[in-house]
N, C-alpha and C. Protein backbone atom coordinates (compact mmCIF):
# COMPACT_ATOMS: atom_id res chain seq x y z
N MET A 1 66.64 201.10 184.24
CA MET A 1 67.24 200.14 184.39
C MET A 1 66.56 198.89 183.13
N SER A 2 68.05 198.31 183.65
CA SER A 2 67.93 197.12 182.21
C SER A 2 67.51 195.48 182.42
N LYS A 3 66.94 195.11 181.20
CA LYS A 3 66.75 194.12 181.51
C LYS A 3 67.28 192.95 182.11
N ASN A 4 66.71 191.81 182.69
CA ASN A 4 67.53 191.20 183.99
C ASN A 4 66.43 190.01 184.56
N MET A 5 65.69 189.63 182.85
CA MET A 5 65.37 188.09 183.05
C MET A 5 65.74 188.06 181.36
N ASN A 6 65.41 185.90 181.36
CA ASN A 6 65.59 185.57 179.95
C ASN A 6 65.01 185.04 179.89
N THR A 7 64.47 184.54 177.80
CA THR A 7 62.96 184.84 177.72
C THR A 7 63.32 183.49 178.16
N LEU A 8 63.50 182.23 179.20
CA LEU A 8 63.05 181.73 179.80
C LEU A 8 61.83 181.77 180.85
N ASP A 9 62.72 182.34 181.59
CA ASP A 9 62.05 182.68 182.82
C ASP A 9 60.95 183.88 182.50
N ARG A 10 60.32 184.54 181.61
CA ARG A 10 59.91 185.58 181.28
C ARG A 10 58.84 184.72 180.42
N ARG A 11 59.14 183.68 179.43
CA ARG A 11 57.45 183.06 179.22
C ARG A 11 57.17 181.80 180.48
N VAL A 12 57.42 181.60 181.20
CA VAL A 12 57.08 181.06 182.68
C VAL A 12 55.88 181.64 183.24
N ARG A 13 56.69 182.98 183.85
CA ARG A 13 55.06 183.99 183.83
C ARG A 13 54.76 183.78 183.19
N ALA A 14 54.87 184.20 181.61
CA ALA A 14 53.76 184.87 181.45
C ALA A 14 52.86 183.24 180.72
N LEU A 15 52.89 181.96 180.86
CA LEU A 15 52.60 181.09 180.16
C LEU A 15 52.45 180.42 181.49
N LEU A 16 52.45 179.96 182.62
CA LEU A 16 51.86 179.59 183.49
C LEU A 16 51.38 179.89 184.46
N VAL A 17 53.08 180.79 185.02
CA VAL A 17 52.52 181.14 186.52
C VAL A 17 51.48 182.32 186.42
N ALA A 18 50.89 182.99 185.65
CA ALA A 18 50.20 184.81 185.32
C ALA A 18 48.31 183.07 184.86
N PRO A 19 48.97 181.70 184.36
CA PRO A 19 47.41 181.59 183.94
C PRO A 19 46.74 180.62 185.00
N VAL A 20 47.94 180.41 185.79
CA VAL A 20 47.36 179.65 186.73
C VAL A 20 46.55 180.00 187.94
N ALA A 21 47.27 181.31 188.92
CA ALA A 21 47.19 181.59 189.29
C ALA A 21 45.72 183.13 188.86
N ILE A 22 45.35 182.37 187.87
CA ILE A 22 44.11 183.33 187.04
C ILE A 22 42.91 182.30 187.91
N VAL A 23 43.82 181.14 187.42
CA VAL A 23 42.23 179.57 187.67
C VAL A 23 42.20 179.43 188.88
N ILE A 24 42.95 179.73 189.66
CA ILE A 24 43.27 179.27 191.24
C ILE A 24 41.53 180.64 191.47
N GLY A 25 42.67 181.48 190.72
CA GLY A 25 41.28 182.82 192.05
C GLY A 25 40.52 182.36 191.80
N ILE A 26 40.03 181.75 189.96
CA ILE A 26 38.22 181.69 189.79
C ILE A 26 37.60 180.74 190.82
N LEU A 27 38.33 179.16 191.32
CA LEU A 27 38.27 178.12 191.65
C LEU A 27 37.50 178.64 192.84
N ILE A 28 38.31 179.08 193.75
CA ILE A 28 38.60 179.90 195.26
C ILE A 28 37.38 180.65 195.88
N GLY A 29 37.07 181.58 194.59
CA GLY A 29 36.01 181.71 194.12
C GLY A 29 36.32 184.26 194.10
N PRO A 30 35.88 184.65 192.95
CA PRO A 30 36.47 185.34 192.31
C PRO A 30 36.71 186.63 193.77
N GLY A 31 36.19 186.92 193.67
CA GLY A 31 36.02 188.13 194.77
C GLY A 31 36.59 188.20 196.33
N SER A 32 37.04 186.68 195.95
CA SER A 32 37.27 186.32 198.24
C SER A 32 39.24 187.27 198.06
N ILE A 33 39.07 187.42 199.20
CA ILE A 33 40.78 188.23 199.39
C ILE A 33 41.73 187.80 198.62
N GLY A 34 42.03 185.79 198.61
CA GLY A 34 42.74 184.98 198.43
C GLY A 34 42.94 185.51 196.46
N ALA A 35 41.28 185.23 196.41
CA ALA A 35 41.06 185.78 194.69
C ALA A 35 41.92 187.09 194.43
N ILE A 36 41.92 188.13 194.37
CA ILE A 36 42.92 189.94 194.70
C ILE A 36 44.29 189.41 194.93
N VAL A 37 44.32 188.45 195.70
CA VAL A 37 45.39 188.86 195.26
C VAL A 37 46.58 187.64 194.86
N LEU A 38 45.72 187.02 194.94
CA LEU A 38 46.20 186.16 193.19
C LEU A 38 45.05 186.05 192.11
N TYR A 39 45.58 187.66 191.47
CA TYR A 39 44.95 188.04 190.60
C TYR A 39 46.03 189.78 190.23
N ALA A 40 46.38 190.00 191.59
CA ALA A 40 46.99 190.90 191.57
C ALA A 40 49.08 190.16 191.06
N VAL A 41 49.03 189.05 192.21
CA VAL A 41 50.43 188.14 191.21
C VAL A 41 49.96 188.44 189.65
N ALA A 42 49.49 186.98 189.32
CA ALA A 42 49.12 187.30 188.58
C ALA A 42 49.36 189.00 187.06
N ALA A 43 49.28 189.90 188.09
CA ALA A 43 49.38 191.20 187.05
C ALA A 43 50.95 191.22 186.95
N ILE A 44 51.34 191.34 188.14
CA ILE A 44 52.93 191.83 188.36
C ILE A 44 53.79 190.50 187.19
N MET A 45 52.89 189.34 187.33
CA MET A 45 54.11 188.70 186.30
C MET A 45 53.19 188.42 185.01
N LEU A 46 52.76 189.14 184.46
CA LEU A 46 52.48 189.90 183.08
C LEU A 46 53.23 190.34 183.25
N ALA A 47 52.78 191.73 184.19
CA ALA A 47 54.29 193.42 183.45
C ALA A 47 55.60 193.09 183.00
N THR A 48 55.65 192.51 184.70
CA THR A 48 57.67 191.63 184.60
C THR A 48 57.46 190.93 183.58
N SER A 49 57.04 190.27 182.90
CA SER A 49 57.33 189.27 181.90
C SER A 49 57.29 190.36 180.22
N ALA A 50 56.80 191.48 180.56
CA ALA A 50 56.33 191.92 179.69
C ALA A 50 57.83 193.13 179.22
N ILE A 51 58.02 193.26 180.51
CA ILE A 51 59.06 194.44 179.94
C ILE A 51 60.55 194.02 179.96
N GLY A 52 60.37 192.36 181.13
CA GLY A 52 61.81 191.68 181.53
C GLY A 52 62.42 192.27 182.16
N PHE A 53 61.94 193.13 182.80
CA PHE A 53 62.64 193.82 184.30
C PHE A 53 62.05 193.43 186.14
N CYS A 54 62.94 192.67 186.13
CA CYS A 54 62.06 192.34 187.92
C CYS A 54 62.74 193.25 188.76
N PRO A 55 61.93 193.95 189.48
CA PRO A 55 62.40 194.59 191.14
C PRO A 55 62.89 193.66 191.97
N LEU A 56 62.50 192.43 191.60
CA LEU A 56 63.18 191.86 193.30
C LEU A 56 64.29 191.70 192.67
N TYR A 57 64.80 190.83 192.01
CA TYR A 57 65.47 190.29 191.03
C TYR A 57 66.96 191.60 190.96
N SER A 58 66.74 192.70 191.56
CA SER A 58 67.00 194.11 191.02
C SER A 58 68.30 194.64 192.43
N LEU A 59 66.50 194.00 193.48
CA LEU A 59 67.01 194.41 194.80
C LEU A 59 68.23 193.00 195.25
N PHE A 60 67.93 192.25 195.10
CA PHE A 60 69.25 190.88 195.29
C PHE A 60 70.79 190.75 195.11
N HIS A 61 70.17 191.49 193.36
CA HIS A 61 70.91 191.58 192.54
C HIS A 61 71.55 190.28 191.94
N LEU A 62 70.37 190.05 191.40
CA LEU A 62 70.15 188.58 190.50
C LEU A 62 69.48 188.93 189.43
N SER A 63 69.96 188.02 188.31
CA SER A 63 69.41 188.01 187.22
C SER A 63 69.84 186.61 186.48
N SER A 64 68.82 186.55 185.91
CA SER A 64 69.14 185.25 184.91
C SER A 64 69.08 184.76 183.75
N ARG A 65 69.55 185.87 182.40
CA ARG A 65 70.56 186.25 181.53
C ARG A 65 71.69 185.59 181.76
N GLY A 66 71.75 185.16 183.70
CA GLY A 66 73.30 185.29 181.98
C GLY A 66 74.43 186.02 182.23
N ARG A 67 76.08 185.11 182.35
CA ARG A 67 77.17 186.00 181.90
C ARG A 67 77.02 186.00 180.86
N ARG A 68 77.33 187.80 180.47
CA ARG A 68 77.74 188.07 179.20
C ARG A 68 79.56 187.80 179.09
N PRO A 69 79.53 187.84 178.17
CA PRO A 69 80.84 187.24 177.72
C PRO A 69 81.53 188.14 177.70
N LEU A 70 82.62 188.56 178.15
CA LEU A 70 83.91 189.76 178.06
C LEU A 70 84.16 190.10 176.60
N THR A 71 84.37 191.30 176.00
CA THR A 71 85.29 191.84 174.82
C THR A 71 86.78 191.91 174.96
N ASP A 72 87.11 191.30 174.02
CA ASP A 72 88.40 192.31 173.63
C ASP A 72 89.21 193.07 174.06
């Protein structure tokens, strides 16, 4: 399992997407189905940003890390 997320992608997930999902979940009602789904999304975003690996990126053969230079 190699990393497939760059630093910017990890920071956006951890510092923007997850907190926004949590705040929206709180605003729509902490016990509602929508809030629970948003909490799960926030947890997934935090977990994937912590390990630097996104399973969906892997499934679609994507990587936000960019190309690695060729070795001579």
